[in-house]
C-alpha atoms as a PDB file:
ATOM      1  CA  UNK A   1      52.083 139.286 -17.140  1.00  0.00           C
ATOM      2  CA  UNK A   2      55.625 138.194 -17.465  1.00  0.00           C
ATOM      3  CA  UNK A   3      56.198 135.234 -19.800  1.00  0.00           C
ATOM      4  CA  UNK A   4      59.060 133.616 -21.593  1.00  0.00           C
ATOM      5  CA  UNK A   5      57.910 130.967 -24.116  1.00  0.00           C
ATOM      6  CA  UNK A   6      59.753 128.481 -26.172  1.00  0.00           C
ATOM      7  CA  UNK A   7      58.642 127.124 -29.559  1.00  0.00           C
ATOM      8  CA  UNK A   8      60.047 125.201 -32.448  1.00  0.00           C
ATOM      9  CA  UNK A   9      60.672 121.640 -30.961  1.00  0.00           C
ATOM     10  CA  UNK A  10      59.633 118.576 -32.525  1.00  0.00           C
ATOM     11  CA  UNK A  11      60.732 115.396 -34.337  1.00  0.00           C
ATOM     12  CA  UNK A  12      63.464 115.410 -36.872  1.00  0.00           C
ATOM     13  CA  UNK A  13      65.678 112.782 -38.413  1.00  0.00           C
ATOM     14  CA  UNK A  14      69.445 112.598 -37.780  1.00  0.00           C
ATOM     15  CA  UNK A  15      71.216 115.094 -39.605  1.00  0.00           C
ATOM     16  CA  UNK A  16      68.334 117.477 -39.819  1.00  0.00           C
ATOM     17  CA  UNK A  17      67.805 120.997 -38.505  1.00  0.00           C
ATOM     18  CA  UNK A  18      65.289 122.826 -36.181  1.00  0.00           C
ATOM     19  CA  UNK A  19      65.248 126.299 -34.977  1.00  0.00           C
ATOM     20  CA  UNK A  20      64.050 127.035 -31.507  1.00  0.00           C
ATOM     21  CA  UNK A  21      62.710 130.357 -30.452  1.00  0.00           C
ATOM     22  CA  UNK A  22      61.990 132.029 -27.112  1.00  0.00           C
ATOM     23  CA  UNK A  23      59.849 135.108 -26.856  1.00  0.00           C
ATOM     24  CA  UNK A  24      59.585 137.316 -23.849  1.00  0.00           C
ATOM     25  CA  UNK A  25      56.419 139.287 -23.025  1.00  0.00           C
ATOM     26  CA  UNK A  26      56.017 141.719 -20.193  1.00  0.00           C
ATOM     27  CA  UNK A  27      59.616 142.504 -20.191  1.00  0.00           C
ATOM     28  CA  UNK A  28      62.337 143.641 -22.568  1.00  0.00           C
ATOM     29  CA  UNK A  29      65.227 141.251 -23.414  1.00  0.00           C
ATOM     30  CA  UNK A  30      67.692 143.943 -24.270  1.00  0.00           C
ATOM     31  CA  UNK A  31      69.733 143.867 -21.069  1.00  0.00           C
ATOM     32  CA  UNK A  32      69.365 140.077 -20.416  1.00  0.00           C
ATOM     33  CA  UNK A  33      71.684 137.335 -21.322  1.00  0.00           C
ATOM     34  CA  UNK A  34      69.853 134.359 -22.995  1.00  0.00           C
ATOM     35  CA  UNK A  35      70.736 130.841 -22.577  1.00  0.00           C
ATOM     36  CA  UNK A  36      69.686 127.473 -23.703  1.00  0.00           C
ATOM     37  CA  UNK A  37      69.868 124.354 -21.529  1.00  0.00           C
ATOM     38  CA  UNK A  38      68.757 120.941 -22.216  1.00  0.00           C
ATOM     39  CA  UNK A  39      67.807 118.039 -20.141  1.00  0.00           C
ATOM     40  CA  UNK A  40      67.891 114.387 -21.234  1.00  0.00           C
ATOM     41  CA  UNK A  41      66.620 111.492 -19.198  1.00  0.00           C
ATOM     42  CA  UNK A  42      69.455 109.756 -17.401  1.00  0.00           C
ATOM     43  CA  UNK A  43      71.884 112.639 -17.903  1.00  0.00           C
ATOM     44  CA  UNK A  44      72.886 115.768 -16.163  1.00  0.00           C
ATOM     45  CA  UNK A  45      71.444 118.951 -17.643  1.00  0.00           C
ATOM     46  CA  UNK A  46      73.660 120.797 -20.038  1.00  0.00           C
ATOM     47  CA  UNK A  47      74.023 124.413 -20.781  1.00  0.00           C
ATOM     48  CA  UNK A  48      74.279 124.197 -24.610  1.00  0.00           C
ATOM     49  CA  UNK A  49      74.678 127.845 -25.543  1.00  0.00           C
ATOM     50  CA  UNK A  50      74.410 131.412 -24.104  1.00  0.00           C
ATOM     51  CA  UNK A  51      74.515 134.847 -25.572  1.00  0.00           C
ATOM     52  CA  UNK A  52      75.264 138.061 -23.732  1.00  0.00           C
ATOM     53  CA  UNK A  53      73.191 141.214 -23.921  1.00  0.00           C
ATOM     54  CA  UNK A  54      76.148 142.477 -26.037  1.00  0.00           C
ATOM     55  CA  UNK A  55      76.029 139.489 -28.368  1.00  0.00           C
ATOM     56  CA  UNK A  56      78.822 137.529 -27.290  1.00  0.00           C
ATOM     57  CA  UNK A  57      78.078 133.756 -27.636  1.00  0.00           C
ATOM     58  CA  UNK A  58      79.431 130.626 -25.916  1.00  0.00           C
ATOM     59  CA  UNK A  59      78.729 126.911 -26.651  1.00  0.00           C
ATOM     60  CA  UNK A  60      79.202 123.499 -25.135  1.00  0.00           C
ATOM     61  CA  UNK A  61      81.848 121.394 -26.758  1.00  0.00           C
ATOM     62  CA  UNK A  62      79.100 118.893 -27.673  1.00  0.00           C
ATOM     63  CA  UNK A  63      77.214 121.394 -30.005  1.00  0.00           C
ATOM     64  CA  UNK A  64      80.093 123.730 -31.084  1.00  0.00           C
ATOM     65  CA  UNK A  65      79.992 124.049 -34.840  1.00  0.00           C
ATOM     66  CA  UNK A  66      76.430 122.678 -35.215  1.00  0.00           C
ATOM     67  CA  UNK A  67      74.355 125.073 -33.126  1.00  0.00           C
ATOM     68  CA  UNK A  68      74.098 128.734 -33.364  1.00  0.00           C
ATOM     69  CA  UNK A  69      72.416 131.075 -30.628  1.00  0.00           C
ATOM     70  CA  UNK A  70      71.241 134.488 -31.781  1.00  0.00           C
ATOM     71  CA  UNK A  71      68.994 137.189 -30.538  1.00  0.00           C
ATOM     72  CA  UNK A  72      66.649 139.840 -32.015  1.00  0.00           C
ATOM     73  CA  UNK A  73      66.090 142.495 -29.461  1.00  0.00           C
ATOM     74  CA  UNK A  74      63.543 144.204 -31.696  1.00  0.00           C
ATOM     75  CA  UNK A  75      61.524 140.980 -31.767  1.00  0.00           C
ATOM     76  CA  UNK A  76      62.174 140.321 -28.015  1.00  0.00           C
ATOM     77  CA  UNK A  77      63.184 136.829 -29.048  1.00  0.00           C
ATOM     78  CA  UNK A  78      66.189 134.625 -28.765  1.00  0.00           C
ATOM     79  CA  UNK A  79      66.872 131.692 -31.100  1.00  0.00           C
ATOM     80  CA  UNK A  80      68.904 128.529 -31.296  1.00  0.00           C
ATOM     81  CA  UNK A  81      69.591 127.224 -34.767  1.00  0.00           C
ATOM     82  CA  UNK A  82      70.444 123.497 -34.608  1.00  0.00           C
ATOM     83  CA  UNK A  83      71.985 121.885 -37.466  1.00  0.00           C
ATOM     84  CA  UNK A  84      73.335 118.319 -38.078  1.00  0.00           C
ATOM     85  CA  UNK A  85      71.303 117.025 -35.427  1.00  0.00           C
ATOM     86  CA  UNK A  86      72.249 113.744 -33.590  1.00  0.00           C
ATOM     87  CA  UNK A  87      70.057 111.357 -31.572  1.00  0.00           C
ATOM     88  CA  UNK A  88      72.069 112.486 -28.435  1.00  0.00           C
ATOM     89  CA  UNK A  89      70.677 115.872 -28.952  1.00  0.00           C
ATOM     90  CA  UNK A  90      67.259 114.650 -27.938  1.00  0.00           C
ATOM     91  CA  UNK A  91      66.009 116.262 -24.833  1.00  0.00           C
ATOM     92  CA  UNK A  92      63.746 119.106 -23.315  1.00  0.00           C
ATOM     93  CA  UNK A  93      65.232 122.512 -24.288  1.00  0.00           C
ATOM     94  CA  UNK A  94      64.760 125.329 -21.877  1.00  0.00           C
ATOM     95  CA  UNK A  95      65.363 128.929 -22.575  1.00  0.00           C
ATOM     96  CA  UNK A  96      66.382 131.320 -19.875  1.00  0.00           C
ATOM     97  CA  UNK A  97      66.868 135.107 -19.701  1.00  0.00           C
ATOM     98  CA  UNK A  98      69.107 136.347 -16.949  1.00  0.00           C
ATOM     99  CA  UNK A  99      69.905 139.906 -15.903  1.00  0.00           C
ATOM    100  CA  UNK A 100      71.156 138.917 -12.532  1.00  0.00           C
ATOM    101  CA  UNK A 101      70.974 135.881 -10.253  1.00  0.00           C
ATOM    102  CA  UNK A 102      67.881 137.210  -8.751  1.00  0.00           C
ATOM    103  CA  UNK A 103      66.445 138.490 -11.894  1.00  0.00           C
ATOM    104  CA  UNK A 104      65.893 135.669 -14.476  1.00  0.00           C
ATOM    105  CA  UNK A 105      63.028 133.922 -16.257  1.00  0.00           C
ATOM    106  CA  UNK A 106      62.743 130.388 -17.562  1.00  0.00           C
ATOM    107  CA  UNK A 107      60.384 128.971 -20.094  1.00  0.00           C
ATOM    108  CA  UNK A 108      58.532 125.754 -19.734  1.00  0.00           C
ATOM    109  CA  UNK A 109      60.624 123.789 -22.207  1.00  0.00           C
ATOM    110  CA  UNK A 110      60.209 122.290 -25.686  1.00  0.00           C
ATOM    111  CA  UNK A 111      60.905 118.820 -26.661  1.00  0.00           C
ATOM    112  CA  UNK A 112      63.365 117.964 -29.408  1.00  0.00           C
ATOM    113  CA  UNK A 113      63.527 114.341 -30.613  1.00  0.00           C
ATOM    114  CA  UNK A 114      66.110 113.253 -32.998  1.00  0.00           C
ATOM    115  CA  UNK A 115      65.422 109.842 -34.657  1.00  0.00           C
ATOM    116  CA  UNK A 116      68.391 107.789 -35.873  1.00  0.00           C
END
């Protein structure tokens, strides 16, 4: 069964840190780009970070310098380290793995809540 599951969300105070993980089962992440997208009520969804299969990363301006995306192909897992969290980072974070527009997987999301 093909699955892509996020974990690591939770409640944290402003200025705190969280690390999100997304682990694939039933397929190998090696040749997939990994991305993290967040959805906040009342706002458009935002692609916060991506990392290519070769390890090149890209960040939204809103998180640059605070978030770090990484991957561990041996563990079949992608990560999003989030530091200096702000209340506006609150939202549901979704991980996706994409090899092509027709070959991609999405997790079900993990909730991050940052209190002020």
